[in-house]
Structures are given as C-alpha cells and as structure tokens.
Amino acid sequence: MKYAAVIEDVVIVRPGYTLPSTIAWPASDGAAPCAVFFAGSGPTDRDWNSPLLPGTNGGGAQLALALQARGVGSIRFDKVGSGVNMPKSMAPADLKMLEVLSLAHYTDEILAAWDELASHDRCGRLFLLGHSEGSIHGSSAAIVQQTTLRFAGLISMSGPARSILDTAIEQIRAMGLQAGTDAALVDHALGDFRAAMVRPDAPAPDLSALPGAAAGLWQVAHDPLQQRVARELLFADPLVALPAYFGRALVVSAANDAQVPGSDADAIYAALASDARHKTRVTIANANHVYKSETRAPSTLSPAEIGASYADDNHALADGLVDAIVRFVTTK
C-alpha cells in the first residue's frame, strides 16, 4: 500500500497522564521503519527545545523531518513536565501532575509512545532513540522490549555513562575554569557541593565560587516537588542495566559535545551485551551536544555561546547523523 508523507499531532492517554505527541510519517510503499524519540533532561520538549535556553529551532524536530524525508517515521512527545505538558500554574492542583515522575514513569512514557506507533499498519520495525539523559530511559525501555517481535534496535545519542550528578559536576568545573576561577578554589567548592548533594536534608553549601548552574542543580534536587525523581536521576548509574541488553545498538557521540565526552559513548558501547556484529559506534564530526553543525571546539566557547547554538535558526543538523541512523534502521 502506498502512503503519503504526513505530520500528525496526537495525544496519548494513559492513567494519570497524557503525552502530547507528533508523528512524522514518511512517504512509503508499505510499512516503514519508525523510531520513538525520548528527549534530554529537564523541561526539554519534543522538539528538543528548552525554556532554559534561547531559540526554537530544536534538533529533535529537525531530525524527525530529515528522517521522514529518508523514509523513516518517528514519534516525539512532550514528556510530563515539558513543552505543553507542564503545570499551568503553581497551584497544588496543577502541580499534582508532576507526582507521577520517576525513572519507571519515563520508561512507561516511552512504551506508551511505542504502543501508539505499533498500532498503525504503516509502521514496521520499531527503534528506540534516546538523546542525552533520554538515552538512559531509552535503554531501560529497550531492555523491556528487546524480545518483542517488532523491536529492531536501540539508538543512544550522547548518553551519559556516569551519574547525572558526576556529569553535571564535570560540566560545572569546566565552566568555572573557563570563567577564570582558580582551579583549587573550584575543586574545593565542588567537593563541598557533592557532599551536600548526597544528603537530601543537607543545608545549602557555599556556591559563591561556582557558576550559576550549581545553584540550579541544588534547587532542583531539594525542591519538594521534584526531589524524588531528581535524586533518582542524579545518582542512577547508567551502565548498571546495560549488560541486560543484547539487541542491535547504534551508539553515537558528537565530536564537539560540550556536555558529554565521547568516552561516555565508548563505555556505553562496551557495557552492552550485544554481539560485536550487532552494535555500531559512530562519532559525528563537527557536531555539538544536540547534533547541530558546530566546527568550534567547546573549549573556545563561552557557556552562553554553547547554549545559543543549540536551537538558533542558523544551525542545521551536522552532516553524517541522518546517514548513520538511516543506515542502521534499514540494515537487518
């Protein structure tokens, strides 16, 4: 059967929550390979835009459209707490929607989106694609789904191999040094910061020597509304569960990623139980953390410049990313 290319907005309904979603169906002569996207951390929405960063040209939307043009379908959604799926106000009745959040809930969101794609005849083999923190949740869902008939593989893009806390501390350290703060002062302050973060009831440490990102992380981890899921995420070891995954995998890193180094992708690749014939490790040259074209080394950019490049109108996807994904999802 011939299908036309279509962009379709749907709302997935589950007990206790909904997922406003966008499906990009490709033109095809039958069932097409399809991917479930899971976005990165915090309030990052289905398009991979964040209210914490400037710009609305999200890499997730760009990737979905580029894959659609190459015959690959996808679904992306606003996870609970992002995009249009955020509380309308700070009133207790509105904030109640955040109570569902947990690591298990994020896996459930992915599986709900999987079920939506699987319910359509025009979707054939199914893949799970997680970006950044989303790689952790995508991996968890892949372990659940890997024995199902239509599951075809996992795609990890800039997934962390260390805890989110350790990854964030490394990023905060780099920001502090780039700002010209003495290394010994930064390291001492970060030691106190990490020790305090471990204790949910600890008083706030002195953050005056650290970039503002440290205060933001502290606030999230100690906000009563977010503390449970935030602490789950901050201390989870992304590598622990990976030996339980034995399916096909594509592990991708970006050469100019300011947030997650390529060594994390190497560790993820090594931890997977997949046979070497069934897993692929790719580095995308001239790409930043969200796989936009970026020829500048992160060490030459300020935090503001890095953030501005994530969703501004002047950044296309990096060359090579779409080719790598299409090659993976069309190879049996």
Foldseek 3Di string as FASTA:
>chain_A
DWDDWDKDWDWQDDVLAIWTKIKTAATDPFAFAEEEEDEDDAQQFQQRDDPVFDFDQRLNVQLQVVLSPVGYMYMTTRDQRYDVNDFPDPDPVSLVSLPVDALVVLLVVSVSRVVVQVVDRNHAAYEYEYAALGLLSSLVNCLVCVPPDRHAEYEYELYFQAAQQVLVLVLFLLQLVLVPQDNVVSVVQSVVLVVQLVDLPRDHDDCVSTPPVSVVLNCQCNPPSRNRRSVNRRHDRSLPCQCSAAHAYEQEYEPQESRGDPVRSVSSQVSHVHDPVRYHYYYFYQQYSSQWRHNDHPSVDHPNVNSNQRHHPPTRGGPPPSVVVVVNSPDD
